[in-house]
């Protein structure tokens, strides 16, 4: 392998190792997922302390919760047994606290970072199915049917319906709605949030009172900043590799180029699959590969095409 290939393998390995899990100050360990250029937690936050060690108040009384203007958390219906699955609920003031609620090197996503995620998945009109956990173990099908059959979770985000803590009322909609904070302040009383349901494929962004209780997903400070393709020749602009991310199959369209050598490497440089590409369109079965990041190298004597591939 040439020096350029070794460099991209090293970059992928470094980012992958950083992103596999993240641990908060309480010792809770979260799985993570790379989606486009972003690295996200796959689980809702459940921390009870800020990063300096100060305790985040756990407010169980609804009347007290409604009047807060400082950071606080609660367990849905004050039931600690569900925290492992759904995480905890926080008001926006906990997000805005300078002591930091997210683990080191992570933060609460802004409105623009959420939109980057949605746009990568095709836009707010189609992203919900790609974000939601599949099956009905947690999503109940609020819209009167088994609508979560449409969920694919192809992003790996694994959104859960943690519900809301509603001002002036109580806890509502666990199993039906997944509501998540953004760090962006909309006004003195409102901040950005979004929610998902099984009703349709739409993500519902908007603004909500800062005193509401919602779930939190954190995003890594580090972007996957290396390019998806590193080109060494203008000829490889004809090569298309899709879908990416993918599940069990990948299509390699070679344009007018023939007699190409294709290799798939894992992030430590082991060649797992090798094939001569003689056709215009090549349909490859990669079901034997486990989930993770891979590198597809396509080469002739004249050029090399290197592409990052995400297997779900």
C-alpha atoms as a PDB file:
ATOM      1  CA  UNK A   1       0.000   0.000   0.000  1.00  0.00           C
ATOM      2  CA  UNK A   2       1.276   3.490  -0.762  1.00  0.00           C
ATOM      3  CA  UNK A   3       1.983   6.170   1.833  1.00  0.00           C
ATOM      4  CA  UNK A   4      -1.340   7.958   1.210  1.00  0.00           C
ATOM      5  CA  UNK A   5      -3.264   4.795   1.977  1.00  0.00           C
ATOM      6  CA  UNK A   6      -1.367   4.288   5.240  1.00  0.00           C
ATOM      7  CA  UNK A   7      -2.171   7.864   6.239  1.00  0.00           C
ATOM      8  CA  UNK A   8      -5.913   7.484   5.726  1.00  0.00           C
ATOM      9  CA  UNK A   9      -5.921   4.129   7.568  1.00  0.00           C
ATOM     10  CA  UNK A  10      -4.225   5.833  10.499  1.00  0.00           C
ATOM     11  CA  UNK A  11      -6.734   8.698  10.472  1.00  0.00           C
ATOM     12  CA  UNK A  12      -9.681   6.310  10.392  1.00  0.00           C
ATOM     13  CA  UNK A  13      -8.249   4.184  13.176  1.00  0.00           C
ATOM     14  CA  UNK A  14      -7.643   7.192  15.421  1.00  0.00           C
ATOM     15  CA  UNK A  15     -11.160   8.550  14.971  1.00  0.00           C
ATOM     16  CA  UNK A  16     -12.760   5.134  15.343  1.00  0.00           C
ATOM     17  CA  UNK A  17     -10.966   4.447  18.600  1.00  0.00           C
ATOM     18  CA  UNK A  18     -11.950   7.836  19.978  1.00  0.00           C
ATOM     19  CA  UNK A  19     -15.576   7.350  19.027  1.00  0.00           C
ATOM     20  CA  UNK A  20     -16.414   3.792  20.079  1.00  0.00           C
ATOM     21  CA  UNK A  21     -17.585   4.785  23.571  1.00  0.00           C
ATOM     22  CA  UNK A  22     -17.625   7.859  25.790  1.00  0.00           C
ATOM     23  CA  UNK A  23     -17.843   7.971  29.591  1.00  0.00           C
ATOM     24  CA  UNK A  24     -19.457  10.744  31.659  1.00  0.00           C
ATOM     25  CA  UNK A  25     -18.344  11.969  35.091  1.00  0.00           C
ATOM     26  CA  UNK A  26     -20.671   9.471  36.819  1.00  0.00           C
ATOM     27  CA  UNK A  27     -19.030   6.561  34.992  1.00  0.00           C
ATOM     28  CA  UNK A  28     -21.918   5.939  32.594  1.00  0.00           C
ATOM     29  CA  UNK A  29     -20.579   4.511  29.317  1.00  0.00           C
ATOM     30  CA  UNK A  30     -22.319   5.403  26.041  1.00  0.00           C
ATOM     31  CA  UNK A  31     -22.009   3.777  22.631  1.00  0.00           C
ATOM     32  CA  UNK A  32     -21.399   6.158  19.735  1.00  0.00           C
ATOM     33  CA  UNK A  33     -21.969   6.240  15.994  1.00  0.00           C
ATOM     34  CA  UNK A  34     -20.360   8.122  13.095  1.00  0.00           C
ATOM     35  CA  UNK A  35     -22.945   9.725  10.790  1.00  0.00           C
ATOM     36  CA  UNK A  36     -21.454  11.671   7.908  1.00  0.00           C
ATOM     37  CA  UNK A  37     -18.859  14.019   9.408  1.00  0.00           C
ATOM     38  CA  UNK A  38     -20.375  13.889  12.898  1.00  0.00           C
ATOM     39  CA  UNK A  39     -19.937  11.509  15.841  1.00  0.00           C
ATOM     40  CA  UNK A  40     -23.044  11.106  18.033  1.00  0.00           C
ATOM     41  CA  UNK A  41     -23.991   9.251  21.179  1.00  0.00           C
ATOM     42  CA  UNK A  42     -26.330   6.329  20.424  1.00  0.00           C
ATOM     43  CA  UNK A  43     -27.935   6.706  23.863  1.00  0.00           C
ATOM     44  CA  UNK A  44     -29.679   9.426  25.852  1.00  0.00           C
ATOM     45  CA  UNK A  45     -27.679  11.239  28.518  1.00  0.00           C
ATOM     46  CA  UNK A  46     -28.141  10.050  32.124  1.00  0.00           C
ATOM     47  CA  UNK A  47     -25.519  12.034  34.060  1.00  0.00           C
ATOM     48  CA  UNK A  48     -26.350  13.562  37.481  1.00  0.00           C
ATOM     49  CA  UNK A  49     -23.320  15.850  37.901  1.00  0.00           C
ATOM     50  CA  UNK A  50     -21.683  18.673  36.002  1.00  0.00           C
ATOM     51  CA  UNK A  51     -18.117  18.117  34.826  1.00  0.00           C
ATOM     52  CA  UNK A  52     -16.660  19.972  37.844  1.00  0.00           C
ATOM     53  CA  UNK A  53     -18.342  17.438  40.141  1.00  0.00           C
ATOM     54  CA  UNK A  54     -21.242  19.642  41.272  1.00  0.00           C
ATOM     55  CA  UNK A  55     -24.568  17.815  41.595  1.00  0.00           C
ATOM     56  CA  UNK A  56     -27.367  18.647  39.158  1.00  0.00           C
ATOM     57  CA  UNK A  57     -30.536  19.033  41.288  1.00  0.00           C
ATOM     58  CA  UNK A  58     -33.061  16.210  40.890  1.00  0.00           C
ATOM     59  CA  UNK A  59     -36.433  17.954  41.120  1.00  0.00           C
ATOM     60  CA  UNK A  60     -39.327  15.550  41.686  1.00  0.00           C
ATOM     61  CA  UNK A  61     -42.047  18.071  42.611  1.00  0.00           C
ATOM     62  CA  UNK A  62     -43.908  19.367  39.554  1.00  0.00           C
ATOM     63  CA  UNK A  63     -44.753  22.750  41.061  1.00  0.00           C
ATOM     64  CA  UNK A  64     -41.113  23.396  41.884  1.00  0.00           C
ATOM     65  CA  UNK A  65     -39.983  22.176  38.457  1.00  0.00           C
ATOM     66  CA  UNK A  66     -42.333  24.610  36.698  1.00  0.00           C
ATOM     67  CA  UNK A  67     -40.712  27.677  38.293  1.00  0.00           C
ATOM     68  CA  UNK A  68     -37.030  26.763  37.902  1.00  0.00           C
ATOM     69  CA  UNK A  69     -34.562  29.144  36.260  1.00  0.00           C
ATOM     70  CA  UNK A  70     -31.494  26.980  36.944  1.00  0.00           C
ATOM     71  CA  UNK A  71     -30.336  23.583  35.727  1.00  0.00           C
ATOM     72  CA  UNK A  72     -32.129  20.448  36.902  1.00  0.00           C
ATOM     73  CA  UNK A  73     -32.949  16.892  35.876  1.00  0.00           C
ATOM     74  CA  UNK A  74     -35.610  14.312  36.595  1.00  0.00           C
ATOM     75  CA  UNK A  75     -36.351  10.704  35.796  1.00  0.00           C
ATOM     76  CA  UNK A  76     -39.513  10.167  33.772  1.00  0.00           C
ATOM     77  CA  UNK A  77     -42.396   9.865  36.296  1.00  0.00           C
ATOM     78  CA  UNK A  78     -39.642   9.919  38.953  1.00  0.00           C
ATOM     79  CA  UNK A  79     -39.027   6.276  38.072  1.00  0.00           C
ATOM     80  CA  UNK A  80     -35.316   5.484  38.280  1.00  0.00           C
ATOM     81  CA  UNK A  81     -35.805   1.976  36.842  1.00  0.00           C
ATOM     82  CA  UNK A  82     -36.234   3.306  33.293  1.00  0.00           C
ATOM     83  CA  UNK A  83     -33.104   5.500  33.262  1.00  0.00           C
ATOM     84  CA  UNK A  84     -30.836   2.809  31.844  1.00  0.00           C
ATOM     85  CA  UNK A  85     -33.008   2.604  28.717  1.00  0.00           C
ATOM     86  CA  UNK A  86     -34.343   6.135  28.225  1.00  0.00           C
ATOM     87  CA  UNK A  87     -31.808   8.277  30.034  1.00  0.00           C
ATOM     88  CA  UNK A  88     -32.854  11.280  32.098  1.00  0.00           C
ATOM     89  CA  UNK A  89     -34.817  14.451  31.347  1.00  0.00           C
ATOM     90  CA  UNK A  90     -33.211  17.887  31.691  1.00  0.00           C
ATOM     91  CA  UNK A  91     -34.355  21.456  31.421  1.00  0.00           C
ATOM     92  CA  UNK A  92     -32.503  23.803  29.077  1.00  0.00           C
ATOM     93  CA  UNK A  93     -30.821  25.653  31.943  1.00  0.00           C
ATOM     94  CA  UNK A  94     -28.757  22.543  32.656  1.00  0.00           C
ATOM     95  CA  UNK A  95     -27.481  22.692  29.067  1.00  0.00           C
ATOM     96  CA  UNK A  96     -26.574  26.362  29.341  1.00  0.00           C
ATOM     97  CA  UNK A  97     -24.647  25.988  32.608  1.00  0.00           C
ATOM     98  CA  UNK A  98     -20.941  26.853  32.333  1.00  0.00           C
ATOM     99  CA  UNK A  99     -20.024  23.801  34.452  1.00  0.00           C
ATOM    100  CA  UNK A 100     -20.916  21.660  31.415  1.00  0.00           C
ATOM    101  CA  UNK A 101     -23.288  18.714  31.411  1.00  0.00           C
ATOM    102  CA  UNK A 102     -21.754  16.846  28.458  1.00  0.00           C
ATOM    103  CA  UNK A 103     -18.711  14.572  28.858  1.00  0.00           C
ATOM    104  CA  UNK A 104     -15.283  16.012  28.144  1.00  0.00           C
ATOM    105  CA  UNK A 105     -14.737  16.670  24.407  1.00  0.00           C
ATOM    106  CA  UNK A 106     -18.501  16.443  23.792  1.00  0.00           C
ATOM    107  CA  UNK A 107     -21.276  19.026  23.755  1.00  0.00           C
ATOM    108  CA  UNK A 108     -25.006  19.558  23.262  1.00  0.00           C
ATOM    109  CA  UNK A 109     -25.735  19.971  19.517  1.00  0.00           C
ATOM    110  CA  UNK A 110     -26.776  23.358  18.221  1.00  0.00           C
ATOM    111  CA  UNK A 111     -29.629  23.880  15.795  1.00  0.00           C
ATOM    112  CA  UNK A 112     -27.187  23.974  12.878  1.00  0.00           C
ATOM    113  CA  UNK A 113     -25.567  20.695  13.970  1.00  0.00           C
ATOM    114  CA  UNK A 114     -28.955  18.981  14.165  1.00  0.00           C
ATOM    115  CA  UNK A 115     -29.746  20.316  10.683  1.00  0.00           C
ATOM    116  CA  UNK A 116     -26.431  18.964   9.392  1.00  0.00           C
ATOM    117  CA  UNK A 117     -27.514  15.529  10.610  1.00  0.00           C
ATOM    118  CA  UNK A 118     -30.967  15.793   9.025  1.00  0.00           C
ATOM    119  CA  UNK A 119     -29.581  17.037   5.727  1.00  0.00           C
ATOM    120  CA  UNK A 120     -27.093  14.162   5.588  1.00  0.00           C
ATOM    121  CA  UNK A 121     -30.047  11.790   5.950  1.00  0.00           C
ATOM    122  CA  UNK A 122     -32.033  13.480   3.182  1.00  0.00           C
ATOM    123  CA  UNK A 123     -33.721  16.372   5.023  1.00  0.00           C
ATOM    124  CA  UNK A 124     -36.257  16.858   7.817  1.00  0.00           C
ATOM    125  CA  UNK A 125     -39.029  15.375   5.668  1.00  0.00           C
ATOM    126  CA  UNK A 126     -37.483  11.898   5.567  1.00  0.00           C
ATOM    127  CA  UNK A 127     -34.986  11.691   8.443  1.00  0.00           C
ATOM    128  CA  UNK A 128     -37.246  10.397  11.242  1.00  0.00           C
ATOM    129  CA  UNK A 129     -37.463   6.814   9.939  1.00  0.00           C
ATOM    130  CA  UNK A 130     -33.677   6.751   9.569  1.00  0.00           C
ATOM    131  CA  UNK A 131     -33.125   7.935  13.151  1.00  0.00           C
ATOM    132  CA  UNK A 132     -35.627   5.858  15.127  1.00  0.00           C
ATOM    133  CA  UNK A 133     -34.860   2.549  16.787  1.00  0.00           C
ATOM    134  CA  UNK A 134     -36.581  -0.284  14.922  1.00  0.00           C
ATOM    135  CA  UNK A 135     -39.233  -2.566  16.374  1.00  0.00           C
ATOM    136  CA  UNK A 136     -41.883  -1.973  19.001  1.00  0.00           C
ATOM    137  CA  UNK A 137     -40.016  -2.720  22.196  1.00  0.00           C
ATOM    138  CA  UNK A 138     -40.019   1.007  22.982  1.00  0.00           C
ATOM    139  CA  UNK A 139     -41.954   2.803  20.230  1.00  0.00           C
ATOM    140  CA  UNK A 140     -45.673   2.159  20.767  1.00  0.00           C
ATOM    141  CA  UNK A 141     -47.120   3.474  17.478  1.00  0.00           C
ATOM    142  CA  UNK A 142     -48.862   6.656  18.669  1.00  0.00           C
ATOM    143  CA  UNK A 143     -50.683   7.171  15.397  1.00  0.00           C
ATOM    144  CA  UNK A 144     -53.022   4.247  15.868  1.00  0.00           C
ATOM    145  CA  UNK A 145     -51.089   1.543  14.084  1.00  0.00           C
ATOM    146  CA  UNK A 146     -47.795  -0.273  14.014  1.00  0.00           C
ATOM    147  CA  UNK A 147     -46.192   2.621  12.192  1.00  0.00           C
ATOM    148  CA  UNK A 148     -42.753   1.967  13.583  1.00  0.00           C
ATOM    149  CA  UNK A 149     -42.557  -0.780  10.968  1.00  0.00           C
ATOM    150  CA  UNK A 150     -41.320   2.054   8.740  1.00  0.00           C
ATOM    151  CA  UNK A 151     -38.355   2.814  10.988  1.00  0.00           C
ATOM    152  CA  UNK A 152     -35.007   1.641   9.579  1.00  0.00           C
ATOM    153  CA  UNK A 153     -32.490   3.260  11.961  1.00  0.00           C
ATOM    154  CA  UNK A 154     -30.113   3.158   9.002  1.00  0.00           C
ATOM    155  CA  UNK A 155     -28.185   6.054  10.556  1.00  0.00           C
ATOM    156  CA  UNK A 156     -27.460   4.019  13.686  1.00  0.00           C
ATOM    157  CA  UNK A 157     -28.680   6.936  15.850  1.00  0.00           C
ATOM    158  CA  UNK A 158     -31.243   4.680  17.610  1.00  0.00           C
ATOM    159  CA  UNK A 159     -33.644   7.421  18.757  1.00  0.00           C
ATOM    160  CA  UNK A 160     -35.909   6.431  21.648  1.00  0.00           C
ATOM    161  CA  UNK A 161     -39.299   7.901  22.684  1.00  0.00           C
ATOM    162  CA  UNK A 162     -38.345   9.360  26.064  1.00  0.00           C
ATOM    163  CA  UNK A 163     -41.382  11.658  26.243  1.00  0.00           C
ATOM    164  CA  UNK A 164     -41.605  15.091  27.871  1.00  0.00           C
ATOM    165  CA  UNK A 165     -41.937  16.745  31.256  1.00  0.00           C
ATOM    166  CA  UNK A 166     -44.580  19.340  30.469  1.00  0.00           C
ATOM    167  CA  UNK A 167     -44.881  22.666  32.278  1.00  0.00           C
ATOM    168  CA  UNK A 168     -48.058  22.923  34.345  1.00  0.00           C
ATOM    169  CA  UNK A 169     -48.879  19.271  33.789  1.00  0.00           C
ATOM    170  CA  UNK A 170     -46.690  16.220  34.328  1.00  0.00           C
ATOM    171  CA  UNK A 171     -44.748  13.554  32.415  1.00  0.00           C
ATOM    172  CA  UNK A 172     -46.308  12.619  29.072  1.00  0.00           C
ATOM    173  CA  UNK A 173     -45.816  10.623  25.857  1.00  0.00           C
ATOM    174  CA  UNK A 174     -43.080   8.134  26.706  1.00  0.00           C
ATOM    175  CA  UNK A 175     -43.301   5.496  23.984  1.00  0.00           C
ATOM    176  CA  UNK A 176     -44.928   7.943  21.582  1.00  0.00           C
ATOM    177  CA  UNK A 177     -42.598  10.946  21.250  1.00  0.00           C
ATOM    178  CA  UNK A 178     -38.842  11.363  21.370  1.00  0.00           C
ATOM    179  CA  UNK A 179     -37.952  14.962  22.276  1.00  0.00           C
ATOM    180  CA  UNK A 180     -34.355  16.262  22.216  1.00  0.00           C
ATOM    181  CA  UNK A 181     -32.783  19.564  23.220  1.00  0.00           C
ATOM    182  CA  UNK A 182     -30.611  21.797  21.088  1.00  0.00           C
ATOM    183  CA  UNK A 183     -28.220  24.285  22.656  1.00  0.00           C
ATOM    184  CA  UNK A 184     -29.507  27.184  20.538  1.00  0.00           C
ATOM    185  CA  UNK A 185     -31.422  29.854  22.448  1.00  0.00           C
ATOM    186  CA  UNK A 186     -34.448  31.197  20.572  1.00  0.00           C
ATOM    187  CA  UNK A 187     -35.516  33.926  23.051  1.00  0.00           C
ATOM    188  CA  UNK A 188     -35.525  34.733  26.764  1.00  0.00           C
ATOM    189  CA  UNK A 189     -37.958  31.904  27.501  1.00  0.00           C
ATOM    190  CA  UNK A 190     -37.585  29.522  24.533  1.00  0.00           C
ATOM    191  CA  UNK A 191     -34.877  27.286  23.074  1.00  0.00           C
ATOM    192  CA  UNK A 192     -34.510  24.989  20.066  1.00  0.00           C
ATOM    193  CA  UNK A 193     -35.735  21.404  20.260  1.00  0.00           C
ATOM    194  CA  UNK A 194     -37.013  18.657  17.993  1.00  0.00           C
ATOM    195  CA  UNK A 195     -39.165  15.590  18.337  1.00  0.00           C
ATOM    196  CA  UNK A 196     -39.844  12.357  16.462  1.00  0.00           C
ATOM    197  CA  UNK A 197     -43.001  10.247  16.321  1.00  0.00           C
ATOM    198  CA  UNK A 198     -44.128   7.137  14.466  1.00  0.00           C
ATOM    199  CA  UNK A 199     -46.727   9.220  12.605  1.00  0.00           C
ATOM    200  CA  UNK A 200     -44.553   9.947   9.583  1.00  0.00           C
ATOM    201  CA  UNK A 201     -41.007  10.351   8.330  1.00  0.00           C
ATOM    202  CA  UNK A 202     -40.768  14.007   9.351  1.00  0.00           C
ATOM    203  CA  UNK A 203     -38.527  15.404  12.056  1.00  0.00           C
ATOM    204  CA  UNK A 204     -40.408  18.137  13.947  1.00  0.00           C
ATOM    205  CA  UNK A 205     -38.032  20.999  14.843  1.00  0.00           C
ATOM    206  CA  UNK A 206     -39.194  24.100  16.682  1.00  0.00           C
ATOM    207  CA  UNK A 207     -38.891  25.990  19.944  1.00  0.00           C
ATOM    208  CA  UNK A 208     -40.148  25.160  23.427  1.00  0.00           C
ATOM    209  CA  UNK A 209     -40.067  26.634  26.923  1.00  0.00           C
ATOM    210  CA  UNK A 210     -36.657  26.273  28.546  1.00  0.00           C
ATOM    211  CA  UNK A 211     -38.260  24.817  31.670  1.00  0.00           C
ATOM    212  CA  UNK A 212     -39.555  21.758  29.786  1.00  0.00           C
ATOM    213  CA  UNK A 213     -37.932  18.398  30.482  1.00  0.00           C
ATOM    214  CA  UNK A 214     -36.448  16.677  27.413  1.00  0.00           C
ATOM    215  CA  UNK A 215     -33.873  14.045  26.520  1.00  0.00           C
ATOM    216  CA  UNK A 216     -30.306  14.966  25.527  1.00  0.00           C
ATOM    217  CA  UNK A 217     -28.055  13.471  22.856  1.00  0.00           C
ATOM    218  CA  UNK A 218     -24.458  14.693  22.801  1.00  0.00           C
ATOM    219  CA  UNK A 219     -22.212  15.224  19.801  1.00  0.00           C
ATOM    220  CA  UNK A 220     -18.418  14.943  19.727  1.00  0.00           C
ATOM    221  CA  UNK A 221     -16.312  18.103  19.471  1.00  0.00           C
ATOM    222  CA  UNK A 222     -14.214  16.328  16.813  1.00  0.00           C
ATOM    223  CA  UNK A 223     -15.527  16.135  13.272  1.00  0.00           C
ATOM    224  CA  UNK A 224     -14.660  13.334  10.885  1.00  0.00           C
ATOM    225  CA  UNK A 225     -12.724  15.872   8.892  1.00  0.00           C
ATOM    226  CA  UNK A 226     -10.917  13.710   6.355  1.00  0.00           C
ATOM    227  CA  UNK A 227     -12.508  13.726   2.883  1.00  0.00           C
ATOM    228  CA  UNK A 228     -14.733  10.880   1.744  1.00  0.00           C
ATOM    229  CA  UNK A 229     -12.553  10.451  -1.320  1.00  0.00           C
ATOM    230  CA  UNK A 230      -8.856  11.193  -1.823  1.00  0.00           C
ATOM    231  CA  UNK A 231      -8.172  11.478  -5.520  1.00  0.00           C
ATOM    232  CA  UNK A 232      -4.828  10.843  -7.164  1.00  0.00           C
ATOM    233  CA  UNK A 233      -6.039  11.087 -10.748  1.00  0.00           C
ATOM    234  CA  UNK A 234      -8.869  12.809 -12.608  1.00  0.00           C
ATOM    235  CA  UNK A 235      -9.899   9.435 -14.056  1.00  0.00           C
ATOM    236  CA  UNK A 236     -11.367   8.270 -10.739  1.00  0.00           C
ATOM    237  CA  UNK A 237     -14.061  10.986 -10.838  1.00  0.00           C
ATOM    238  CA  UNK A 238     -16.007   8.469 -12.948  1.00  0.00           C
ATOM    239  CA  UNK A 239     -16.188   5.981 -10.062  1.00  0.00           C
ATOM    240  CA  UNK A 240     -19.338   5.954  -7.924  1.00  0.00           C
ATOM    241  CA  UNK A 241     -19.709   3.866  -4.751  1.00  0.00           C
ATOM    242  CA  UNK A 242     -23.173   3.647  -3.189  1.00  0.00           C
ATOM    243  CA  UNK A 243     -25.149   3.391  -0.973  1.00  0.00           C
ATOM    244  CA  UNK A 244     -22.856   4.709   1.725  1.00  0.00           C
ATOM    245  CA  UNK A 245     -23.571   4.009   4.583  1.00  0.00           C
ATOM    246  CA  UNK A 246     -24.855   0.587   3.551  1.00  0.00           C
ATOM    247  CA  UNK A 247     -26.028  -2.680   5.030  1.00  0.00           C
ATOM    248  CA  UNK A 248     -25.252  -5.849   3.037  1.00  0.00           C
ATOM    249  CA  UNK A 249     -24.492  -4.701  -0.502  1.00  0.00           C
ATOM    250  CA  UNK A 250     -22.504  -1.956  -2.193  1.00  0.00           C
ATOM    251  CA  UNK A 251     -22.594  -0.889  -5.848  1.00  0.00           C
ATOM    252  CA  UNK A 252     -19.400   0.214  -7.598  1.00  0.00           C
ATOM    253  CA  UNK A 253     -20.050   2.024 -10.850  1.00  0.00           C
ATOM    254  CA  UNK A 254     -16.801   2.271 -12.844  1.00  0.00           C
ATOM    255  CA  UNK A 255     -17.959   4.503 -15.661  1.00  0.00           C
ATOM    256  CA  UNK A 256     -15.968   3.776 -18.784  1.00  0.00           C
ATOM    257  CA  UNK A 257     -12.925   2.472 -16.901  1.00  0.00           C
ATOM    258  CA  UNK A 258     -12.215  -1.242 -17.105  1.00  0.00           C
ATOM    259  CA  UNK A 259      -9.897  -3.811 -15.504  1.00  0.00           C
ATOM    260  CA  UNK A 260      -9.853  -2.246 -12.069  1.00  0.00           C
ATOM    261  CA  UNK A 261      -8.610  -3.911  -8.911  1.00  0.00           C
ATOM    262  CA  UNK A 262     -10.868  -3.479  -5.874  1.00  0.00           C
ATOM    263  CA  UNK A 263      -9.789  -4.129  -2.270  1.00  0.00           C
ATOM    264  CA  UNK A 264     -11.677  -3.614   0.988  1.00  0.00           C
ATOM    265  CA  UNK A 265      -9.561  -3.025   4.104  1.00  0.00           C
ATOM    266  CA  UNK A 266     -10.493  -2.735   7.758  1.00  0.00           C
ATOM    267  CA  UNK A 267      -9.148   0.176   9.783  1.00  0.00           C
ATOM    268  CA  UNK A 268      -5.972  -1.649  10.787  1.00  0.00           C
ATOM    269  CA  UNK A 269      -5.051  -2.318   7.177  1.00  0.00           C
ATOM    270  CA  UNK A 270      -6.105  -5.964   6.749  1.00  0.00           C
ATOM    271  CA  UNK A 271      -7.427  -6.753   3.273  1.00  0.00           C
ATOM    272  CA  UNK A 272     -10.769  -8.513   3.745  1.00  0.00           C
ATOM    273  CA  UNK A 273     -12.020  -8.662   0.167  1.00  0.00           C
ATOM    274  CA  UNK A 274     -10.307  -8.426  -3.218  1.00  0.00           C
ATOM    275  CA  UNK A 275     -11.876  -8.517  -6.676  1.00  0.00           C
ATOM    276  CA  UNK A 276     -11.189  -7.576 -10.283  1.00  0.00           C
ATOM    277  CA  UNK A 277     -13.854  -5.177 -11.578  1.00  0.00           C
ATOM    278  CA  UNK A 278     -14.522  -5.864 -15.237  1.00  0.00           C
ATOM    279  CA  UNK A 279     -18.111  -4.602 -15.539  1.00  0.00           C
ATOM    280  CA  UNK A 280     -19.654  -1.151 -15.799  1.00  0.00           C
ATOM    281  CA  UNK A 281     -21.682  -1.814 -12.639  1.00  0.00           C
ATOM    282  CA  UNK A 282     -20.501  -4.197  -9.917  1.00  0.00           C
ATOM    283  CA  UNK A 283     -22.838  -5.408  -7.155  1.00  0.00           C
ATOM    284  CA  UNK A 284     -20.809  -6.615  -4.156  1.00  0.00           C
ATOM    285  CA  UNK A 285     -22.112  -8.692  -1.263  1.00  0.00           C
ATOM    286  CA  UNK A 286     -20.524  -7.426   1.979  1.00  0.00           C
ATOM    287  CA  UNK A 287     -22.913  -9.158   4.402  1.00  0.00           C
ATOM    288  CA  UNK A 288     -19.971 -11.069   5.881  1.00  0.00           C
ATOM    289  CA  UNK A 289     -18.419  -7.830   7.162  1.00  0.00           C
ATOM    290  CA  UNK A 290     -19.285  -6.650  10.653  1.00  0.00           C
ATOM    291  CA  UNK A 291     -20.556  -3.132  11.363  1.00  0.00           C
ATOM    292  CA  UNK A 292     -17.936  -0.405  11.248  1.00  0.00           C
ATOM    293  CA  UNK A 293     -15.662   1.710   9.079  1.00  0.00           C
ATOM    294  CA  UNK A 294     -13.855   0.248   6.061  1.00  0.00           C
ATOM    295  CA  UNK A 295     -11.731   1.535   3.204  1.00  0.00           C
ATOM    296  CA  UNK A 296     -12.362   0.656  -0.427  1.00  0.00           C
ATOM    297  CA  UNK A 297      -9.292   0.981  -2.607  1.00  0.00           C
ATOM    298  CA  UNK A 298      -9.792   0.876  -6.375  1.00  0.00           C
ATOM    299  CA  UNK A 299      -6.681   1.071  -8.509  1.00  0.00           C
ATOM    300  CA  UNK A 300      -4.985   0.620 -11.853  1.00  0.00           C
ATOM    301  CA  UNK A 301      -1.413   1.304 -12.836  1.00  0.00           C
ATOM    302  CA  UNK A 302      -2.410   4.932 -13.471  1.00  0.00           C
ATOM    303  CA  UNK A 303      -4.392   5.982 -10.408  1.00  0.00           C
ATOM    304  CA  UNK A 304      -5.816   5.018  -7.015  1.00  0.00           C
ATOM    305  CA  UNK A 305      -9.272   5.810  -5.622  1.00  0.00           C
ATOM    306  CA  UNK A 306      -9.670   5.569  -1.830  1.00  0.00           C
ATOM    307  CA  UNK A 307     -13.151   5.813  -0.301  1.00  0.00           C
ATOM    308  CA  UNK A 308     -14.409   5.509   3.272  1.00  0.00           C
ATOM    309  CA  UNK A 309     -17.272   3.004   3.567  1.00  0.00           C
ATOM    310  CA  UNK A 310     -19.599   2.689   6.575  1.00  0.00           C
ATOM    311  CA  UNK A 311     -21.185  -0.757   7.064  1.00  0.00           C
ATOM    312  CA  UNK A 312     -24.342  -0.768   9.216  1.00  0.00           C
END
